[in-house]
Protein backbone atom coordinates (compact mmCIF):
# COMPACT_ATOMS: atom_id res chain seq x y z
CA MET A 1 83.56 -79.66 92.06
CA THR A 2 86.77 -78.30 93.56
CA THR A 3 86.76 -76.11 96.64
CA ALA A 4 87.98 -72.55 96.20
CA THR A 5 91.00 -71.50 98.21
CA THR A 6 88.83 -68.99 100.08
CA GLY A 7 86.49 -71.72 101.34
CA PRO A 8 86.66 -73.99 104.37
CA GLN A 9 89.37 -76.17 102.79
CA ALA A 10 91.80 -73.25 102.52
CA SER A 11 94.86 -73.23 104.77
CA PRO A 12 94.97 -70.79 107.72
CA ALA A 13 97.72 -68.82 106.02
CA SER A 14 95.69 -68.59 102.79
CA ARG A 15 92.54 -67.50 104.65
CA ALA A 16 94.51 -64.89 106.61
CA GLN A 17 95.97 -63.52 103.39
CA THR A 18 92.53 -63.38 101.76
CA GLU A 19 90.95 -61.67 104.76
CA ARG A 20 93.76 -59.13 104.85
CA THR A 21 93.35 -58.42 101.14
CA GLN A 22 89.58 -57.98 101.54
CA ARG A 23 90.06 -55.61 104.46
CA GLN A 24 92.54 -53.58 102.49
CA ARG A 25 90.21 -53.29 99.52
CA GLY A 26 87.83 -51.45 101.82
CA ASN A 27 90.59 -49.61 103.63
CA LEU A 28 92.66 -47.36 101.39
CA LEU A 29 95.14 -46.49 104.11
CA GLY A 30 95.72 -50.14 104.91
CA ALA A 31 96.28 -50.98 101.26
CA VAL A 32 98.78 -48.16 100.85
CA MET A 33 100.65 -48.90 104.08
CA SER A 34 100.86 -52.64 103.35
CA PRO A 35 101.18 -52.98 99.56
CA ASP A 36 100.65 -56.71 98.93
CA TYR A 37 101.29 -56.28 95.21
CA LEU A 38 104.96 -55.98 96.21
CA GLY A 39 105.59 -59.67 96.75
CA ASP A 40 109.03 -59.31 98.30
CA PRO A 41 108.86 -58.63 102.09
CA GLU A 42 111.87 -56.30 101.92
CA MET A 43 110.21 -54.20 99.22
CA ARG A 44 107.01 -54.00 101.28
CA HIS A 45 108.98 -52.89 104.33
CA ASN A 46 110.84 -50.26 102.35
CA ALA A 47 107.64 -48.99 100.75
CA ARG A 48 106.02 -48.60 104.18
CA VAL A 49 108.86 -46.79 105.97
CA SER A 50 109.60 -44.70 102.87
CA LEU A 51 105.97 -43.62 102.83
CA ILE A 52 106.12 -42.49 106.47
CA ASP A 53 109.44 -40.73 105.84
CA GLY A 54 107.90 -39.01 102.83
CA MET A 55 104.83 -37.88 104.76
CA TYR A 56 106.92 -36.18 107.45
CA TYR A 57 109.06 -34.51 104.79
CA ALA A 58 105.96 -33.50 102.84
CA ALA A 59 104.61 -31.80 105.95
CA MET A 60 107.73 -29.64 106.03
CA VAL A 61 107.31 -28.82 102.34
CA GLY A 62 103.68 -27.90 102.91
CA MET A 63 104.64 -25.53 105.70
CA THR A 64 107.37 -23.77 103.74
CA ALA A 65 107.12 -23.92 99.94
CA PRO A 66 103.84 -21.97 99.51
CA PHE A 67 105.00 -19.24 101.89
CA LEU A 68 108.64 -18.51 100.97
CA ALA A 69 107.75 -15.52 98.77
CA LEU A 70 105.55 -14.19 101.59
CA ALA A 71 108.38 -14.76 104.09
CA VAL A 72 110.85 -12.82 101.94
CA ILE A 73 108.45 -9.88 101.66
CA ALA A 74 107.64 -9.99 105.40
CA LEU A 75 111.37 -9.95 106.22
CA GLY A 76 111.91 -6.81 104.15
CA GLY A 77 112.60 -8.22 100.67
CA ASN A 78 111.61 -6.65 97.36
CA ASP A 79 110.44 -8.20 94.06
CA TYR A 80 114.05 -8.99 93.12
CA LEU A 81 114.49 -11.05 96.27
CA VAL A 82 111.17 -12.82 95.64
CA GLY A 83 112.70 -14.07 92.39
CA LEU A 84 116.03 -14.81 94.05
CA VAL A 85 114.51 -17.06 96.70
CA ALA A 86 113.57 -19.46 93.91
CA THR A 87 116.68 -18.90 91.80
CA LEU A 88 119.71 -18.92 94.11
CA PRO A 89 118.98 -22.23 95.90
CA ALA A 90 118.36 -23.82 92.50
CA LEU A 91 121.69 -22.56 91.16
CA VAL A 92 123.53 -23.88 94.21
CA ALA A 93 121.82 -27.21 93.73
CA LEU A 94 122.92 -27.17 90.10
CA ALA A 95 126.55 -26.65 91.09
CA SER A 96 126.27 -29.52 93.60
CA GLN A 97 124.85 -32.12 91.22
CA LEU A 98 127.92 -33.60 89.56
CA PRO A 99 130.18 -33.44 92.65
CA GLY A 100 127.33 -35.09 94.52
CA ALA A 101 127.05 -37.82 91.92
CA ALA A 102 130.79 -38.47 92.13
CA ILE A 103 130.49 -38.87 95.90
CA VAL A 104 127.50 -41.19 95.59
CA GLU A 105 129.07 -43.36 92.87
CA GLY A 106 132.07 -43.97 95.14
CA GLU A 107 129.90 -45.26 98.00
CA PRO A 108 128.82 -48.92 98.09
CA SER A 109 125.81 -48.05 100.27
CA LEU A 110 123.29 -45.66 98.72
CA LEU A 111 121.34 -45.68 101.98
CA ARG A 112 124.36 -44.53 103.97
CA SER A 113 125.00 -41.68 101.53
CA THR A 114 121.36 -40.67 101.66
CA LEU A 115 121.28 -40.63 105.46
CA ARG A 116 124.51 -38.71 105.89
CA PHE A 117 123.59 -35.81 103.65
CA ALA A 118 119.93 -35.85 104.69
CA LEU A 119 121.01 -35.27 108.30
CA ALA A 120 123.25 -32.34 107.33
CA HIS A 121 120.37 -30.72 105.45
CA ARG A 122 117.86 -31.25 108.24
CA LEU A 123 120.02 -29.88 111.06
CA LEU A 124 120.30 -26.54 109.23
CA PHE A 125 116.62 -25.92 109.94
CA LEU A 126 117.77 -24.88 113.41
CA ALA A 127 119.64 -21.95 111.85
CA LEU A 128 116.66 -21.21 109.62
CA ALA A 129 114.45 -20.82 112.70
CA ALA A 130 116.86 -18.21 114.10
CA VAL A 131 116.90 -15.98 111.00
CA PRO A 132 113.61 -14.10 111.67
CA LEU A 133 114.87 -13.18 115.14
CA LEU A 134 118.09 -11.57 113.90
CA ALA A 135 118.49 -7.80 114.31
CA LEU A 136 119.51 -6.95 110.74
CA PRO A 137 118.75 -3.67 108.95
CA GLY A 138 116.63 -3.33 105.82
CA PRO A 139 116.32 -6.53 103.80
CA GLY A 140 119.09 -8.20 105.82
CA ARG A 141 116.90 -10.94 107.20
CA ALA A 142 115.46 -11.66 103.75
CA TRP A 143 118.99 -11.99 102.39
CA ALA A 144 119.97 -14.26 105.31
CA LEU A 145 116.95 -16.49 104.64
CA ILE A 146 117.78 -16.81 100.95
CA LEU A 147 121.48 -17.48 101.54
CA LEU A 148 120.76 -20.13 104.15
CA LEU A 149 118.24 -21.85 101.87
CA ALA A 150 120.95 -21.90 99.20
CA VAL A 151 123.51 -23.45 101.58
CA MET A 152 120.98 -26.07 102.67
CA ASN A 153 120.60 -27.15 99.08
CA VAL A 154 124.17 -28.52 98.95
CA PRO A 155 123.56 -31.55 101.21
CA ALA A 156 119.95 -31.77 100.01
CA THR A 157 121.14 -32.17 96.42
CA VAL A 158 123.61 -34.95 97.21
CA CYS A 159 120.92 -36.66 99.28
CA GLY A 160 118.49 -36.40 96.37
CA VAL A 161 120.93 -37.96 93.91
CA ALA A 162 121.59 -40.88 96.26
CA TRP A 163 117.88 -41.33 97.08
CA THR A 164 116.83 -41.38 93.41
CA ALA A 165 119.46 -43.98 92.54
CA MET A 166 118.41 -45.99 95.59
CA MET A 167 114.78 -46.06 94.43
CA GLY A 168 115.96 -47.42 91.09
CA GLN A 169 117.82 -50.15 92.96
CA ILE A 170 114.85 -51.11 95.16
CA TYR A 171 111.86 -51.23 92.78
CA PRO A 172 111.40 -52.69 89.29
CA THR A 173 110.29 -50.14 86.69
CA ASN A 174 106.95 -51.87 86.05
CA LEU A 175 105.87 -51.13 89.65
CA LEU A 176 107.09 -47.54 89.89
CA GLY A 177 103.70 -46.09 88.95
CA ARG A 178 101.80 -47.81 91.75
CA VAL A 179 104.50 -47.37 94.39
CA PHE A 180 105.04 -43.68 93.81
CA GLY A 181 101.40 -42.99 92.96
CA ASP A 182 100.42 -44.22 96.42
CA ARG A 183 103.32 -42.38 98.03
CA SER A 184 102.48 -39.16 96.23
CA MET A 185 98.83 -39.37 97.27
CA MET A 186 99.62 -39.73 100.98
CA CYS A 187 102.35 -37.10 100.86
CA GLN A 188 100.02 -34.63 99.19
CA LEU A 189 97.32 -35.18 101.81
CA THR A 190 99.94 -34.52 104.47
CA THR A 191 101.11 -31.41 102.61
CA ILE A 192 97.55 -30.06 102.55
CA ALA A 193 97.10 -30.42 106.30
CA ALA A 194 100.50 -28.83 106.93
CA THR A 195 99.80 -25.92 104.58
CA LEU A 196 96.50 -25.15 106.30
CA ALA A 197 98.21 -25.25 109.70
CA ALA A 198 101.03 -23.03 108.48
CA GLY A 199 98.65 -20.45 107.00
CA TRP A 200 96.85 -20.22 110.34
CA LEU A 201 100.11 -20.00 112.28
CA ILE A 202 101.54 -17.20 110.09
CA ASP A 203 98.42 -15.08 110.59
CA ALA A 204 97.81 -15.93 114.27
CA VAL A 205 101.30 -15.58 115.78
CA PRO A 206 102.89 -12.10 115.93
CA PHE A 207 105.74 -11.27 113.58
CA PRO A 208 108.60 -12.31 113.59
CA TYR A 209 107.88 -15.18 115.95
CA ASN A 210 105.47 -16.71 113.46
CA TRP A 211 108.27 -17.43 110.98
CA SER A 212 110.66 -18.63 113.66
CA ALA A 213 108.02 -21.01 115.05
CA LEU A 214 107.25 -22.26 111.55
CA PHE A 215 110.84 -23.25 110.83
CA ALA A 216 111.29 -24.75 114.32
CA ILE A 217 108.30 -27.03 113.74
CA CYS A 218 109.81 -27.99 110.39
CA LEU A 219 113.00 -29.05 112.17
CA GLY A 220 111.00 -31.56 114.20
CA LEU A 221 109.22 -32.84 111.10
CA VAL A 222 112.35 -33.44 109.06
CA MET A 223 114.10 -35.18 111.95
CA MET A 224 111.17 -37.61 112.18
CA SER A 225 111.51 -38.07 108.43
CA TRP A 226 115.18 -38.96 108.90
CA TYR A 227 114.32 -41.45 111.65
CA TYR A 228 112.08 -43.46 109.31
CA LEU A 229 114.46 -43.08 106.38
CA ALA A 230 117.08 -44.78 108.54
CA LYS A 231 114.78 -47.81 108.89
CA MET A 232 115.05 -48.70 105.19
CA ARG A 233 116.82 -51.93 104.24
CA VAL A 234 118.99 -51.57 101.16
CA ALA A 235 121.78 -53.95 100.29
CA PRO A 236 125.19 -52.44 99.43
CA ARG A 237 126.15 -52.32 95.77
CA VAL A 238 129.13 -53.97 94.16
CA LEU A 239 131.18 -51.10 92.76
CA THR A 240 132.85 -51.54 89.40
CA ALA A 241 136.29 -50.22 88.67
CA GLY A 242 136.71 -47.21 86.42
CA ARG A 243 135.03 -43.83 86.11
CA ARG A 244 132.60 -42.73 88.77
CA LEU A 245 130.73 -40.53 86.32
CA PRO A 246 129.73 -41.34 82.73
CA SER A 247 131.99 -39.93 80.04
CA ILE A 248 130.78 -37.45 77.43
CA ALA A 249 130.94 -40.21 74.83
CA ALA A 250 128.85 -42.51 77.02
CA VAL A 251 126.21 -39.83 77.56
CA ARG A 252 126.08 -39.02 73.83
CA SER A 253 125.46 -42.68 73.07
CA GLU A 254 122.34 -42.66 75.24
CA ARG A 255 120.09 -41.07 72.60
CA ARG A 256 116.85 -41.62 74.45
CA PHE A 257 118.22 -40.01 77.58
CA ILE A 258 119.45 -36.99 75.59
CA ARG A 259 116.14 -36.49 73.78
CA TYR A 260 114.22 -36.75 77.03
CA THR A 261 116.54 -34.33 78.82
CA VAL A 262 116.32 -31.67 76.10
CA GLY A 263 112.52 -31.61 76.09
CA ALA A 264 112.28 -31.75 79.87
CA PHE A 265 114.75 -28.85 80.16
CA VAL A 266 112.68 -26.55 77.95
CA TYR A 267 109.46 -27.54 79.68
CA HIS A 268 110.92 -27.03 83.16
CA ALA A 269 112.07 -23.56 82.13
CA GLY A 270 108.47 -22.66 81.33
CA PHE A 271 107.26 -24.35 84.50
CA ASN A 272 109.67 -22.43 86.74
CA LEU A 273 109.35 -19.10 84.96
CA SER A 274 105.72 -18.82 86.02
CA ILE A 275 106.23 -19.58 89.74
CA PRO A 276 107.33 -16.12 91.01
CA VAL A 277 104.98 -14.38 88.56
CA VAL A 278 101.96 -16.17 90.01
CA ASN A 279 103.28 -15.45 93.53
CA LEU A 280 103.54 -11.75 92.67
CA LEU A 281 100.02 -11.88 91.26
CA PHE A 282 98.77 -13.29 94.57
CA VAL A 283 100.77 -11.04 96.90
CA ARG A 284 101.12 -7.76 95.00
CA ARG A 285 97.99 -7.53 92.84
CA LEU A 286 95.50 -9.47 94.97
CA GLY A 287 97.07 -8.66 98.36
CA LEU A 288 96.46 -12.15 99.72
CA THR A 289 97.25 -13.03 103.34
CA GLY A 290 98.98 -16.17 104.53
CA GLY A 291 95.57 -17.73 105.14
CA TRP A 292 94.40 -17.20 101.57
CA ILE A 293 97.68 -18.43 100.12
CA GLY A 294 97.31 -21.51 102.31
CA VAL A 295 93.79 -22.08 100.96
CA LEU A 296 94.95 -21.85 97.34
CA ALA A 297 97.88 -24.18 98.01
CA THR A 298 95.47 -26.56 99.73
CA VAL A 299 93.14 -26.64 96.73
CA SER A 300 96.07 -27.53 94.47
CA GLY A 301 97.45 -30.06 96.93
CA LEU A 302 94.08 -31.77 97.39
CA ALA A 303 93.71 -32.13 93.63
CA MET A 304 97.20 -33.65 93.49
CA ALA A 305 96.42 -36.08 96.30
CA LEU A 306 93.16 -37.27 94.78
CA THR A 307 94.67 -37.94 91.37
CA SER A 308 98.16 -39.30 92.18
CA ARG A 309 97.04 -42.93 92.38
CA PHE A 310 95.09 -42.52 89.14
CA TRP A 311 98.16 -41.27 87.26
CA GLY A 312 100.36 -44.01 88.70
CA ARG A 313 98.02 -46.82 87.70
CA LEU A 314 97.36 -45.27 84.30
CA ALA A 315 101.12 -45.12 83.71
CA ASP A 316 101.50 -48.81 84.61
CA ARG A 317 98.87 -49.62 81.94
CA LEU A 318 99.76 -47.18 79.15
CA GLY A 319 103.41 -46.46 79.86
CA ASN A 320 105.16 -43.58 81.61
CA ARG A 321 105.89 -41.68 78.39
CA ALA A 322 102.31 -41.68 77.11
CA VAL A 323 100.85 -40.48 80.38
CA LEU A 324 103.64 -37.94 80.98
CA LEU A 325 102.74 -36.28 77.66
CA ARG A 326 99.09 -36.07 78.73
CA THR A 327 99.99 -34.28 81.95
CA MET A 328 102.40 -31.90 80.21
CA GLY A 329 99.77 -31.05 77.62
CA GLY A 330 97.29 -30.24 80.38
CA LEU A 331 99.73 -27.96 82.22
CA ALA A 332 101.00 -26.09 79.16
CA PRO A 333 98.21 -23.49 78.70
CA LEU A 334 97.50 -22.83 82.38
CA PRO A 335 99.75 -19.74 82.82
CA LEU A 336 97.71 -17.86 80.21
CA LEU A 337 94.54 -18.50 82.20
CA PHE A 338 95.99 -16.78 85.28
CA ILE A 339 96.14 -13.48 83.36
CA GLY A 340 92.44 -12.96 83.93
CA VAL A 341 92.48 -13.67 87.67
CA HIS A 342 91.26 -10.68 89.71
CA SER A 343 90.14 -12.37 92.93
CA PRO A 344 91.05 -15.39 95.05
CA ALA A 345 87.84 -17.13 94.02
CA MET A 346 88.86 -16.94 90.36
CA ALA A 347 92.19 -18.61 91.18
CA ILE A 348 90.61 -21.63 92.89
CA PRO A 349 89.56 -23.61 89.76
CA LEU A 350 92.92 -22.89 88.11
CA GLN A 351 94.77 -24.10 91.20
CA MET A 352 92.64 -27.23 91.07
CA LEU A 353 93.52 -27.91 87.43
CA ALA A 354 97.18 -27.20 88.13
CA GLY A 355 97.10 -29.74 90.96
CA VAL A 356 95.52 -32.47 88.82
CA PHE A 357 98.12 -32.27 86.07
CA THR A 358 101.09 -31.46 88.33
CA ALA A 359 100.44 -34.67 90.26
CA GLY A 360 101.01 -36.73 87.14
CA PHE A 361 103.81 -34.54 85.82
CA MET A 362 105.97 -34.70 88.94
CA LEU A 363 105.40 -38.44 89.34
CA LEU A 364 106.08 -39.35 85.72
CA VAL A 365 109.07 -37.08 85.16
CA PHE A 366 110.79 -39.12 87.86
CA ASN A 367 109.58 -42.51 86.59
CA THR A 368 110.49 -41.72 82.98
CA LEU A 369 113.95 -40.62 84.11
CA LEU A 370 114.55 -44.00 85.72
CA GLU A 371 113.40 -45.68 82.51
CA THR A 372 115.73 -43.65 80.28
CA THR A 373 118.89 -43.95 82.41
CA PRO A 374 121.16 -47.00 82.18
CA ALA A 375 121.41 -49.07 85.34
CA HIS A 376 125.19 -48.66 85.50
CA GLN A 377 126.34 -45.23 86.70
CA ARG A 378 122.71 -44.23 87.24
CA SER A 379 123.70 -41.64 89.84
CA GLY A 380 125.75 -39.80 87.22
CA TYR A 381 122.89 -39.66 84.73
CA VAL A 382 120.43 -38.65 87.43
CA ALA A 383 122.79 -35.87 88.52
CA LEU A 384 123.21 -34.65 84.95
CA PHE A 385 119.45 -34.60 84.42
CA ASN A 386 118.73 -32.94 87.76
CA GLY A 387 121.50 -30.42 87.21
CA LEU A 388 120.06 -29.34 83.87
CA MET A 389 116.56 -29.13 85.33
CA MET A 390 117.94 -27.02 88.17
CA ALA A 391 119.66 -24.78 85.66
CA THR A 392 116.14 -23.65 84.82
CA GLY A 393 116.24 -22.14 88.32
CA ALA A 394 117.34 -18.98 86.53
CA ALA A 395 113.93 -18.86 84.87
CA PRO A 396 112.19 -17.29 87.91
CA MET A 397 114.49 -14.26 87.64
CA LEU A 398 113.57 -13.98 83.96
CA GLY A 399 109.93 -14.21 84.96
CA VAL A 400 110.31 -11.35 87.45
CA ALA A 401 112.19 -9.27 84.85
CA LEU A 402 109.45 -9.81 82.28
CA TYR A 403 106.82 -8.99 84.89
CA ASP A 404 108.55 -5.72 85.82
CA ARG A 405 109.29 -4.62 82.24
CA LEU A 406 106.41 -5.96 80.19
CA GLY A 407 103.72 -6.87 82.69
CA LEU A 408 101.90 -9.95 83.90
CA ALA A 409 100.51 -11.06 80.53
CA ALA A 410 103.90 -11.10 78.77
CA ALA A 411 105.56 -13.08 81.56
CA LEU A 412 102.84 -15.72 81.66
CA ALA A 413 102.69 -15.94 77.85
CA ALA A 414 106.44 -16.63 77.79
CA ALA A 415 105.96 -19.44 80.32
CA THR A 416 103.22 -20.97 78.19
CA ALA A 417 105.34 -20.79 75.04
CA LEU A 418 108.25 -22.63 76.66
CA ARG A 419 105.95 -25.32 78.00
CA LEU A 420 104.42 -25.87 74.56
CA VAL A 421 107.82 -26.13 72.88
CA GLY A 422 109.03 -28.71 75.41
CA TRP A 423 105.83 -30.72 75.09
CA LEU A 424 105.94 -30.76 71.28
CA TRP A 425 109.61 -31.81 71.32
CA LEU A 426 108.91 -34.80 73.54
CA ARG A 427 105.86 -35.80 71.49
CA ALA A 428 108.08 -35.93 68.42
CA LYS A 429 111.35 -37.25 69.85
CA LEU A 430 110.67 -39.52 72.83
CA ASP A 431 109.85 -43.07 71.74
């Protein structure tokens, strides 16, 4: 009878590996921070430092994203500006996509491009922290906040294009589900903690110092994110001669990419249209404070964190497309359900459902994009896709207009209709 490799005949290295694996099976954090399923040491290193970078950045997102509509209102903005805070930065990002891709495609080092533009974006948080302290009349500070967020999206967009292409260079597609499922889970847990802290800070610190302190803390978080991002190890690419961006003919030949982009565009329009409408429901109709908005965001974030690994592993088994369609189908009818919400307690289960399906949707939209883009000139295709998705940044303004003219039910019904159309398109067209 042969001796198993885990027995006394096993080598010290083999026993150490087995013991580490057994510890990690009982230690979720250890397994995520040291992913042994990534056999290559460089990939493991990159996964670890990218996770830490992502957690710091997610903390910033948790402290800002749920509260931007509240910040605009607190700084003197009206319903129009609540819609604009979602729309204008998205439109600026849209305009930055293709120029950003051209810059990235001309750089041999995707990491260097990512770091350069990430630093420019992060340093602007210093100006963001000063906005609430400005002595501007009327909605002046709200306008300043929105305009600065829009300016910040220029370097952020170029950074995002470079980072997405870099992820495609680092990881094989058959491991994307596990890698980004784990990353999403830890980032969502971080986001939850940050959102709870931000809700307390907004209510506890006097205005306007609460908003200034919030953005100053975010500056520290994103600089720590940049520090760990700089620790990644990514080999330079060999650039090919010719066009930096794909030609129209080349894009048209990528049928799968086109079909995916069309369906995702329609679905994103429905997704984004509902965002300011739900915010107006919370702030205007229900009169929620920063604390309550933080609780609702936490419920959604916790649901996302607890299900991210599930969606990632399910996608590795069934395929990104199949699981993406499941998540989109789950999200499609949710806006209609918010019509009947008349108290914070009624919103909690809907926020939970939204978190469950959004976790898979956000993860698998990204993974499916990497699958449907050709490896050559990937930055150009990513920029084109992202640009079209960001063009749906005009949808929040449409949502506010529908809300003002026709009411809450009409606005949320329109969001549901767009989501259903996008979902049905992808079911029929994406193979």
